[in-house]
Amino acid sequence: MSRRTVKRIIYGVGYLIVFCAVVFLIYSYAVKPAPSCFDGLKNGNETGIDCDGGCVPCSIKSLIPLQTSWAPKYFISGDKAIVAIEIKNPNLNHGADYFDYEISLLDAGGGVIKKTTGSSYVYAGEIKHIVEILPISVQETRGINKVSATFSSADWKPKEEFPKPEIQPRSLTAELKQIPPTISGLAANASAFPLSKATVFGFIYNNFGSSFASISSVSKTEIENIPAFGEKPFKLTFPRDLNPDSIGGDYKIYIEARQ
C-alpha cells in the first residue's frame, strides 16, 4: 500500500469521525427529546424510571393498583339493580384520599346495559365496600350477565397523612325474618375528633357461609355529625322482596368514615 493511499485512509477516517461528532451534537441538542416523566427512561434527575427528580415519587409509582377482592355482585329489587363491590388496597403504607370508579352492568357479549360513576377513598391496607343503586327496567334485567368495576385517578397519601378513624358498630339488633328485614344499632366514634359523615353497610348472608360470595342482600345508609367519643343511631332496611329462604341468619355491618 502506497504512502498516498495510507494518507487518504487516515484523512477519510478523520472526516468520518468529525462527521459523526457533528451528527451526534446536532441530535443531542436539536433533535433528541428532552428528558420527561413519561419517556420510560431513567434520566435527568430521576432516581428511578420516570419517578423522583420532579416526577411522581418512586414510592407512589411502585404502589399496587386497587383491586376487587371478589367478583362484584348485583341484586334486582323491583325497578332497581343494587350493586355491591368489595375493594382491596394491598398497599400497607399508603391510602388514597380520593379515587374514581366506574361500575357497569354487562350483557353476555360485554355490552354495557347500565353504567354509573363515582368517587371514594380507601385507607392503607383496607378492605372497603361500595354499594350503588341503579334504576333498571324488567327487560334490561334479563340481559345482565355480570358486573365490571374499574378504578382510576387515585390520589395516594402516606398512611400518616391519611389516618383511619376509629368507628365501630355496637348494640346491634337484627330482624331478618320480618318484611322488610332490618338491622339497627349505634355507630360509635372512638376517635378524638368528630366525623362529619359515615356510611353504614349491611350484608345479609345465605345458608352457604359468610363470605362476600355468599351475600343474599345488601343495604346502606348515611349518618352525619358524629361527635368525638360519641355515638349516633342507624337503621338499615333491606328490600321487601327479599326471599326469606335466601337468608341464612348471619350478617355483617361495616362503617366507613373520614375526618
C-alpha atoms as a PDB file:
ATOM      1  CA  MET A   1       0.000   0.000   0.000  1.00  0.00           C
ATOM      2  CA  SER A   2       1.464   3.349  -1.043  1.00  0.00           C
ATOM      3  CA  ARG A   3       2.024   6.277   1.262  1.00  0.00           C
ATOM      4  CA  ARG A   4      -0.605   8.262  -0.638  1.00  0.00           C
ATOM      5  CA  THR A   5      -3.222   5.554  -0.091  1.00  0.00           C
ATOM      6  CA  VAL A   6      -2.470   5.394   3.627  1.00  0.00           C
ATOM      7  CA  LYS A   7      -2.791   9.155   3.867  1.00  0.00           C
ATOM      8  CA  ARG A   8      -6.171   9.050   2.112  1.00  0.00           C
ATOM      9  CA  ILE A   9      -7.416   6.395   4.527  1.00  0.00           C
ATOM     10  CA  ILE A  10      -6.304   8.453   7.528  1.00  0.00           C
ATOM     11  CA  TYR A  11      -7.988  11.575   6.144  1.00  0.00           C
ATOM     12  CA  GLY A  12     -11.162   9.592   5.399  1.00  0.00           C
ATOM     13  CA  VAL A  13     -11.325   8.185   8.901  1.00  0.00           C
ATOM     14  CA  GLY A  14     -10.751  11.624  10.352  1.00  0.00           C
ATOM     15  CA  TYR A  15     -13.509  13.154   8.230  1.00  0.00           C
ATOM     16  CA  LEU A  16     -15.845  10.306   9.273  1.00  0.00           C
ATOM     17  CA  ILE A  17     -15.112  10.900  12.969  1.00  0.00           C
ATOM     18  CA  VAL A  18     -15.766  14.636  12.597  1.00  0.00           C
ATOM     19  CA  PHE A  19     -18.969  13.962  10.666  1.00  0.00           C
ATOM     20  CA  CYS A  20     -20.257  11.533  13.310  1.00  0.00           C
ATOM     21  CA  ALA A  21     -19.403  14.004  16.062  1.00  0.00           C
ATOM     22  CA  VAL A  22     -21.324  16.777  14.307  1.00  0.00           C
ATOM     23  CA  VAL A  23     -24.337  14.497  13.754  1.00  0.00           C
ATOM     24  CA  PHE A  24     -24.251  13.426  17.418  1.00  0.00           C
ATOM     25  CA  LEU A  25     -24.119  17.041  18.612  1.00  0.00           C
ATOM     26  CA  ILE A  26     -26.994  18.045  16.337  1.00  0.00           C
ATOM     27  CA  TYR A  27     -29.076  15.085  17.570  1.00  0.00           C
ATOM     28  CA  SER A  28     -28.266  15.723  21.231  1.00  0.00           C
ATOM     29  CA  TYR A  29     -29.105  19.416  21.210  1.00  0.00           C
ATOM     30  CA  ALA A  30     -31.615  19.862  18.412  1.00  0.00           C
ATOM     31  CA  VAL A  31     -33.365  16.553  17.729  1.00  0.00           C
ATOM     32  CA  LYS A  32     -33.181  14.308  20.815  1.00  0.00           C
ATOM     33  CA  PRO A  33     -36.225  14.920  23.056  1.00  0.00           C
ATOM     34  CA  ALA A  34     -35.576  16.372  26.489  1.00  0.00           C
ATOM     35  CA  PRO A  35     -35.920  14.004  29.460  1.00  0.00           C
ATOM     36  CA  SER A  36     -39.510  13.728  30.617  1.00  0.00           C
ATOM     37  CA  CYS A  37     -41.524  11.876  33.229  1.00  0.00           C
ATOM     38  CA  PHE A  38     -43.170   9.727  30.562  1.00  0.00           C
ATOM     39  CA  ASP A  39     -40.320   8.517  28.318  1.00  0.00           C
ATOM     40  CA  GLY A  40     -39.798   5.159  30.035  1.00  0.00           C
ATOM     41  CA  LEU A  41     -36.178   6.030  30.853  1.00  0.00           C
ATOM     42  CA  LYS A  42     -34.200   6.870  33.960  1.00  0.00           C
ATOM     43  CA  ASN A  43     -32.752  10.224  33.007  1.00  0.00           C
ATOM     44  CA  GLY A  44     -32.483  13.815  34.186  1.00  0.00           C
ATOM     45  CA  ASN A  45     -32.632  13.950  37.977  1.00  0.00           C
ATOM     46  CA  GLU A  46     -34.761  10.815  38.270  1.00  0.00           C
ATOM     47  CA  THR A  47     -33.707   8.175  40.795  1.00  0.00           C
ATOM     48  CA  GLY A  48     -35.896   5.556  39.101  1.00  0.00           C
ATOM     49  CA  ILE A  49     -37.621   5.178  35.742  1.00  0.00           C
ATOM     50  CA  ASP A  50     -39.878   8.228  35.409  1.00  0.00           C
ATOM     51  CA  CYS A  51     -40.003   8.845  39.175  1.00  0.00           C
ATOM     52  CA  ASP A  52     -38.458  11.327  41.627  1.00  0.00           C
ATOM     53  CA  GLY A  53     -36.429  14.259  40.335  1.00  0.00           C
ATOM     54  CA  GLY A  54     -39.564  16.319  39.733  1.00  0.00           C
ATOM     55  CA  CYS A  55     -41.653  13.348  38.589  1.00  0.00           C
ATOM     56  CA  VAL A  56     -44.066  11.276  40.679  1.00  0.00           C
ATOM     57  CA  PRO A  57     -42.314   9.940  43.820  1.00  0.00           C
ATOM     58  CA  CYS A  58     -40.895   6.454  43.315  1.00  0.00           C
ATOM     59  CA  SER A  59     -42.708   5.337  46.483  1.00  0.00           C
ATOM     60  CA  ILE A  60     -46.010   6.185  44.753  1.00  0.00           C
ATOM     61  CA  LYS A  61     -45.098   4.775  41.352  1.00  0.00           C
ATOM     62  CA  SER A  62     -44.353   1.374  42.863  1.00  0.00           C
ATOM     63  CA  LEU A  63     -47.767   1.076  44.546  1.00  0.00           C
ATOM     64  CA  ILE A  64     -50.125  -1.753  43.570  1.00  0.00           C
ATOM     65  CA  PRO A  65     -53.418  -0.578  41.986  1.00  0.00           C
ATOM     66  CA  LEU A  66     -56.728  -1.065  43.778  1.00  0.00           C
ATOM     67  CA  GLN A  67     -58.367  -4.396  43.079  1.00  0.00           C
ATOM     68  CA  THR A  68     -61.624  -6.190  43.775  1.00  0.00           C
ATOM     69  CA  SER A  69     -61.455  -8.926  46.424  1.00  0.00           C
ATOM     70  CA  TRP A  70     -64.379 -10.855  44.906  1.00  0.00           C
ATOM     71  CA  ALA A  71     -66.366 -10.642  41.709  1.00  0.00           C
ATOM     72  CA  PRO A  72     -68.871  -7.761  42.107  1.00  0.00           C
ATOM     73  CA  LYS A  73     -72.419  -8.833  42.934  1.00  0.00           C
ATOM     74  CA  TYR A  74     -75.799  -7.447  41.928  1.00  0.00           C
ATOM     75  CA  PHE A  75     -79.362  -7.917  43.191  1.00  0.00           C
ATOM     76  CA  ILE A  76     -82.580  -6.974  41.440  1.00  0.00           C
ATOM     77  CA  SER A  77     -85.304  -5.379  43.548  1.00  0.00           C
ATOM     78  CA  GLY A  78     -88.261  -4.089  41.569  1.00  0.00           C
ATOM     79  CA  ASP A  79     -87.009  -1.423  39.177  1.00  0.00           C
ATOM     80  CA  LYS A  80     -83.584  -1.174  40.826  1.00  0.00           C
ATOM     81  CA  ALA A  81     -80.292  -3.027  40.475  1.00  0.00           C
ATOM     82  CA  ILE A  82     -78.270  -2.996  43.697  1.00  0.00           C
ATOM     83  CA  VAL A  83     -74.554  -3.485  43.028  1.00  0.00           C
ATOM     84  CA  ALA A  84     -72.068  -4.395  45.769  1.00  0.00           C
ATOM     85  CA  ILE A  85     -68.281  -4.287  45.346  1.00  0.00           C
ATOM     86  CA  GLU A  86     -65.540  -5.226  47.790  1.00  0.00           C
ATOM     87  CA  ILE A  87     -62.266  -3.382  47.156  1.00  0.00           C
ATOM     88  CA  LYS A  88     -58.846  -4.310  48.472  1.00  0.00           C
ATOM     89  CA  ASN A  89     -55.985  -1.847  48.911  1.00  0.00           C
ATOM     90  CA  PRO A  90     -52.883  -4.080  49.054  1.00  0.00           C
ATOM     91  CA  ASN A  91     -50.617  -1.157  49.953  1.00  0.00           C
ATOM     92  CA  LEU A  92     -49.992  -1.253  53.700  1.00  0.00           C
ATOM     93  CA  ASN A  93     -48.305   2.147  53.949  1.00  0.00           C
ATOM     94  CA  HIS A  94     -50.425   4.249  51.584  1.00  0.00           C
ATOM     95  CA  GLY A  95     -54.095   5.104  51.319  1.00  0.00           C
ATOM     96  CA  ALA A  96     -55.977   7.015  48.640  1.00  0.00           C
ATOM     97  CA  ASP A  97     -57.921  10.003  49.923  1.00  0.00           C
ATOM     98  CA  TYR A  98     -59.646  10.100  46.522  1.00  0.00           C
ATOM     99  CA  PHE A  99     -60.213   7.745  43.594  1.00  0.00           C
ATOM    100  CA  ASP A 100     -62.716   7.447  40.774  1.00  0.00           C
ATOM    101  CA  TYR A 101     -64.685   4.312  39.964  1.00  0.00           C
ATOM    102  CA  GLU A 102     -66.889   3.130  37.133  1.00  0.00           C
ATOM    103  CA  ILE A 103     -69.400   0.311  37.577  1.00  0.00           C
ATOM    104  CA  SER A 104     -71.097  -1.322  34.596  1.00  0.00           C
ATOM    105  CA  LEU A 105     -73.786  -3.978  34.193  1.00  0.00           C
ATOM    106  CA  LEU A 106     -72.783  -6.021  31.156  1.00  0.00           C
ATOM    107  CA  ASP A 107     -74.571  -8.447  28.852  1.00  0.00           C
ATOM    108  CA  ALA A 108     -73.101 -11.760  27.681  1.00  0.00           C
ATOM    109  CA  GLY A 109     -71.235 -10.029  24.840  1.00  0.00           C
ATOM    110  CA  GLY A 110     -69.667  -7.397  27.100  1.00  0.00           C
ATOM    111  CA  GLY A 111     -72.063  -4.658  26.038  1.00  0.00           C
ATOM    112  CA  VAL A 112     -72.986  -2.063  28.649  1.00  0.00           C
ATOM    113  CA  ILE A 113     -76.585  -2.227  29.874  1.00  0.00           C
ATOM    114  CA  LYS A 114     -76.224   0.310  32.690  1.00  0.00           C
ATOM    115  CA  LYS A 115     -73.283   2.317  33.981  1.00  0.00           C
ATOM    116  CA  THR A 116     -72.592   4.622  36.899  1.00  0.00           C
ATOM    117  CA  THR A 117     -69.546   6.530  38.087  1.00  0.00           C
ATOM    118  CA  GLY A 118     -68.479   7.942  41.421  1.00  0.00           C
ATOM    119  CA  SER A 119     -65.575   8.669  43.727  1.00  0.00           C
ATOM    120  CA  SER A 120     -64.496   7.381  47.117  1.00  0.00           C
ATOM    121  CA  TYR A 121     -61.463   6.835  49.368  1.00  0.00           C
ATOM    122  CA  VAL A 122     -59.621   3.908  50.903  1.00  0.00           C
ATOM    123  CA  TYR A 123     -57.202   3.650  53.821  1.00  0.00           C
ATOM    124  CA  ALA A 124     -53.850   1.864  53.877  1.00  0.00           C
ATOM    125  CA  GLY A 125     -54.281  -1.908  53.710  1.00  0.00           C
ATOM    126  CA  GLU A 126     -58.059  -1.575  53.948  1.00  0.00           C
ATOM    127  CA  ILE A 127     -60.829  -3.707  52.505  1.00  0.00           C
ATOM    128  CA  LYS A 128     -63.773  -1.414  51.785  1.00  0.00           C
ATOM    129  CA  HIS A 129     -67.165  -1.578  50.097  1.00  0.00           C
ATOM    130  CA  ILE A 130     -69.090   0.357  47.501  1.00  0.00           C
ATOM    131  CA  VAL A 131     -72.845  -0.052  47.040  1.00  0.00           C
ATOM    132  CA  GLU A 132     -74.642   1.627  44.151  1.00  0.00           C
ATOM    133  CA  ILE A 133     -78.342   1.544  43.229  1.00  0.00           C
ATOM    134  CA  LEU A 134     -79.134   1.825  39.516  1.00  0.00           C
ATOM    135  CA  PRO A 135     -82.613   2.265  38.013  1.00  0.00           C
ATOM    136  CA  ILE A 136     -83.352  -0.537  35.571  1.00  0.00           C
ATOM    137  CA  SER A 137     -86.244  -1.935  33.542  1.00  0.00           C
ATOM    138  CA  VAL A 138     -87.510  -5.510  33.589  1.00  0.00           C
ATOM    139  CA  GLN A 139     -86.271  -6.033  30.036  1.00  0.00           C
ATOM    140  CA  GLU A 140     -82.797  -4.796  30.948  1.00  0.00           C
ATOM    141  CA  THR A 141     -82.558  -7.137  33.932  1.00  0.00           C
ATOM    142  CA  ARG A 142     -82.975 -10.145  31.621  1.00  0.00           C
ATOM    143  CA  GLY A 143     -79.802  -9.282  29.753  1.00  0.00           C
ATOM    144  CA  ILE A 144     -77.442  -8.838  32.720  1.00  0.00           C
ATOM    145  CA  ASN A 145     -74.574 -11.327  32.652  1.00  0.00           C
ATOM    146  CA  LYS A 146     -72.009  -9.795  35.019  1.00  0.00           C
ATOM    147  CA  VAL A 147     -70.737  -6.611  36.678  1.00  0.00           C
ATOM    148  CA  SER A 148     -67.443  -4.866  35.944  1.00  0.00           C
ATOM    149  CA  ALA A 149     -65.668  -2.282  38.083  1.00  0.00           C
ATOM    150  CA  THR A 150     -62.654  -0.130  37.234  1.00  0.00           C
ATOM    151  CA  PHE A 151     -60.709   2.345  39.358  1.00  0.00           C
ATOM    152  CA  SER A 152     -58.628   5.353  38.354  1.00  0.00           C
ATOM    153  CA  SER A 153     -57.114   8.694  39.423  1.00  0.00           C
ATOM    154  CA  ALA A 154     -56.084   7.502  42.895  1.00  0.00           C
ATOM    155  CA  ASP A 155     -54.544  10.292  44.985  1.00  0.00           C
ATOM    156  CA  TRP A 156     -52.166   8.321  47.194  1.00  0.00           C
ATOM    157  CA  LYS A 157     -51.086   9.534  50.628  1.00  0.00           C
ATOM    158  CA  PRO A 158     -48.766   8.014  53.251  1.00  0.00           C
ATOM    159  CA  LYS A 159     -50.865   6.448  55.992  1.00  0.00           C
ATOM    160  CA  GLU A 160     -49.510   9.008  58.477  1.00  0.00           C
ATOM    161  CA  GLU A 161     -51.148  11.770  56.407  1.00  0.00           C
ATOM    162  CA  PHE A 162     -54.426   9.885  55.942  1.00  0.00           C
ATOM    163  CA  PRO A 163     -55.212   8.050  59.194  1.00  0.00           C
ATOM    164  CA  LYS A 164     -58.284   5.873  59.543  1.00  0.00           C
ATOM    165  CA  PRO A 165     -60.862   6.994  62.150  1.00  0.00           C
ATOM    166  CA  GLU A 166     -61.839   4.534  64.857  1.00  0.00           C
ATOM    167  CA  ILE A 167     -65.544   3.865  64.394  1.00  0.00           C
ATOM    168  CA  GLN A 168     -67.381   0.622  65.109  1.00  0.00           C
ATOM    169  CA  PRO A 169     -70.981  -0.670  65.196  1.00  0.00           C
ATOM    170  CA  ARG A 170     -72.411  -1.766  68.548  1.00  0.00           C
ATOM    171  CA  SER A 171     -75.721  -2.675  70.204  1.00  0.00           C
ATOM    172  CA  LEU A 172     -76.951  -4.356  67.020  1.00  0.00           C
ATOM    173  CA  THR A 173     -80.496  -5.653  66.620  1.00  0.00           C
ATOM    174  CA  ALA A 174     -81.302  -7.728  63.540  1.00  0.00           C
ATOM    175  CA  GLU A 175     -84.859  -8.505  62.410  1.00  0.00           C
ATOM    176  CA  LEU A 176     -84.001 -10.645  59.411  1.00  0.00           C
ATOM    177  CA  LYS A 177     -87.226 -12.651  59.080  1.00  0.00           C
ATOM    178  CA  GLN A 178     -89.615  -9.714  59.121  1.00  0.00           C
ATOM    179  CA  ILE A 179     -90.707  -7.891  55.952  1.00  0.00           C
ATOM    180  CA  PRO A 180     -88.704  -5.860  55.182  1.00  0.00           C
ATOM    181  CA  PRO A 181     -85.639  -7.144  57.073  1.00  0.00           C
ATOM    182  CA  THR A 182     -83.882  -4.515  59.194  1.00  0.00           C
ATOM    183  CA  ILE A 183     -80.700  -4.116  61.211  1.00  0.00           C
ATOM    184  CA  SER A 184     -80.326  -1.257  63.675  1.00  0.00           C
ATOM    185  CA  GLY A 185     -77.605  -0.198  66.070  1.00  0.00           C
ATOM    186  CA  LEU A 186     -75.200   2.521  67.102  1.00  0.00           C
ATOM    187  CA  ALA A 187     -72.168   3.909  65.277  1.00  0.00           C
ATOM    188  CA  ALA A 188     -69.567   4.520  67.997  1.00  0.00           C
ATOM    189  CA  ASN A 189     -66.834   7.039  67.200  1.00  0.00           C
ATOM    190  CA  ALA A 190     -63.764   6.209  69.310  1.00  0.00           C
ATOM    191  CA  SER A 191     -61.689   8.937  67.655  1.00  0.00           C
ATOM    192  CA  ALA A 192     -60.644  12.143  69.370  1.00  0.00           C
ATOM    193  CA  PHE A 193     -62.219  14.196  66.573  1.00  0.00           C
ATOM    194  CA  PRO A 194     -65.767  14.494  65.194  1.00  0.00           C
ATOM    195  CA  LEU A 195     -66.796  12.818  61.951  1.00  0.00           C
ATOM    196  CA  SER A 196     -68.879  14.832  59.534  1.00  0.00           C
ATOM    197  CA  LYS A 197     -70.306  11.782  57.752  1.00  0.00           C
ATOM    198  CA  ALA A 198     -70.179   7.990  57.931  1.00  0.00           C
ATOM    199  CA  THR A 199     -71.620   5.321  55.651  1.00  0.00           C
ATOM    200  CA  VAL A 200     -73.049   2.149  57.172  1.00  0.00           C
ATOM    201  CA  PHE A 201     -73.158  -1.002  55.028  1.00  0.00           C
ATOM    202  CA  GLY A 202     -75.155  -4.089  55.960  1.00  0.00           C
ATOM    203  CA  PHE A 203     -74.736  -7.523  54.379  1.00  0.00           C
ATOM    204  CA  ILE A 204     -77.114 -10.443  54.910  1.00  0.00           C
ATOM    205  CA  TYR A 205     -75.718 -13.864  54.038  1.00  0.00           C
ATOM    206  CA  ASN A 206     -77.324 -17.040  52.743  1.00  0.00           C
ATOM    207  CA  ASN A 207     -77.008 -20.546  54.189  1.00  0.00           C
ATOM    208  CA  PHE A 208     -73.680 -21.245  52.477  1.00  0.00           C
ATOM    209  CA  GLY A 209     -71.292 -19.084  54.502  1.00  0.00           C
ATOM    210  CA  SER A 210     -70.420 -15.513  55.384  1.00  0.00           C
ATOM    211  CA  SER A 211     -68.020 -14.507  52.627  1.00  0.00           C
ATOM    212  CA  PHE A 212     -68.715 -11.820  50.048  1.00  0.00           C
ATOM    213  CA  ALA A 213     -69.693 -14.561  47.593  1.00  0.00           C
ATOM    214  CA  SER A 214     -72.493 -15.692  49.954  1.00  0.00           C
ATOM    215  CA  ILE A 215     -74.277 -12.331  50.246  1.00  0.00           C
ATOM    216  CA  SER A 216     -78.013 -12.569  49.654  1.00  0.00           C
ATOM    217  CA  SER A 217     -78.818  -8.862  50.104  1.00  0.00           C
ATOM    218  CA  VAL A 218     -77.194  -5.535  50.917  1.00  0.00           C
ATOM    219  CA  SER A 219     -78.251  -2.151  52.254  1.00  0.00           C
ATOM    220  CA  LYS A 220     -76.587   1.126  53.161  1.00  0.00           C
ATOM    221  CA  THR A 221     -77.375   4.366  54.935  1.00  0.00           C
ATOM    222  CA  GLU A 222     -75.523   7.534  55.915  1.00  0.00           C
ATOM    223  CA  ILE A 223     -75.275   9.278  59.265  1.00  0.00           C
ATOM    224  CA  GLU A 224     -73.863  12.729  59.906  1.00  0.00           C
ATOM    225  CA  ASN A 225     -72.092  14.715  62.603  1.00  0.00           C
ATOM    226  CA  ILE A 226     -70.843  12.021  64.961  1.00  0.00           C
ATOM    227  CA  PRO A 227     -69.093  13.761  67.878  1.00  0.00           C
ATOM    228  CA  ALA A 228     -65.696  12.720  69.206  1.00  0.00           C
ATOM    229  CA  PHE A 229     -66.130   9.716  71.515  1.00  0.00           C
ATOM    230  CA  GLY A 230     -69.853   9.902  70.729  1.00  0.00           C
ATOM    231  CA  GLU A 231     -72.486   7.709  69.103  1.00  0.00           C
ATOM    232  CA  LYS A 232     -75.247   8.009  66.535  1.00  0.00           C
ATOM    233  CA  PRO A 233     -78.082   5.517  65.860  1.00  0.00           C
ATOM    234  CA  PHE A 234     -78.617   3.968  62.442  1.00  0.00           C
ATOM    235  CA  LYS A 235     -81.146   1.667  60.817  1.00  0.00           C
ATOM    236  CA  LEU A 236     -80.675  -0.391  57.660  1.00  0.00           C
ATOM    237  CA  THR A 237     -83.728  -1.520  55.695  1.00  0.00           C
ATOM    238  CA  PHE A 238     -83.346  -4.291  53.137  1.00  0.00           C
ATOM    239  CA  PRO A 239     -85.544  -4.886  50.050  1.00  0.00           C
ATOM    240  CA  ARG A 240     -89.095  -6.047  50.800  1.00  0.00           C
ATOM    241  CA  ASP A 241     -88.973  -8.631  48.033  1.00  0.00           C
ATOM    242  CA  LEU A 242     -86.012 -10.475  49.546  1.00  0.00           C
ATOM    243  CA  ASN A 243     -86.812 -14.196  49.623  1.00  0.00           C
ATOM    244  CA  PRO A 244     -86.825 -15.338  53.292  1.00  0.00           C
ATOM    245  CA  ASP A 245     -85.437 -18.716  52.202  1.00  0.00           C
ATOM    246  CA  SER A 246     -82.283 -16.952  50.947  1.00  0.00           C
ATOM    247  CA  ILE A 247     -81.500 -15.580  54.422  1.00  0.00           C
ATOM    248  CA  GLY A 248     -79.170 -17.723  56.467  1.00  0.00           C
ATOM    249  CA  GLY A 249     -79.084 -15.774  59.708  1.00  0.00           C
ATOM    250  CA  ASP A 250     -75.581 -14.353  59.627  1.00  0.00           C
ATOM    251  CA  TYR A 251     -74.892 -10.714  58.802  1.00  0.00           C
ATOM    252  CA  LYS A 252     -72.125  -8.136  58.975  1.00  0.00           C
ATOM    253  CA  ILE A 253     -72.059  -4.383  59.474  1.00  0.00           C
ATOM    254  CA  TYR A 254     -69.280  -2.157  58.170  1.00  0.00           C
ATOM    255  CA  ILE A 255     -68.914   1.541  58.890  1.00  0.00           C
ATOM    256  CA  GLU A 256     -66.679   3.761  56.810  1.00  0.00           C
ATOM    257  CA  ALA A 257     -65.902   7.363  57.658  1.00  0.00           C
ATOM    258  CA  ARG A 258     -63.353  10.093  57.153  1.00  0.00           C
ATOM    259  CA  GLN A 259     -62.435  13.101  59.229  1.00  0.00           C
END
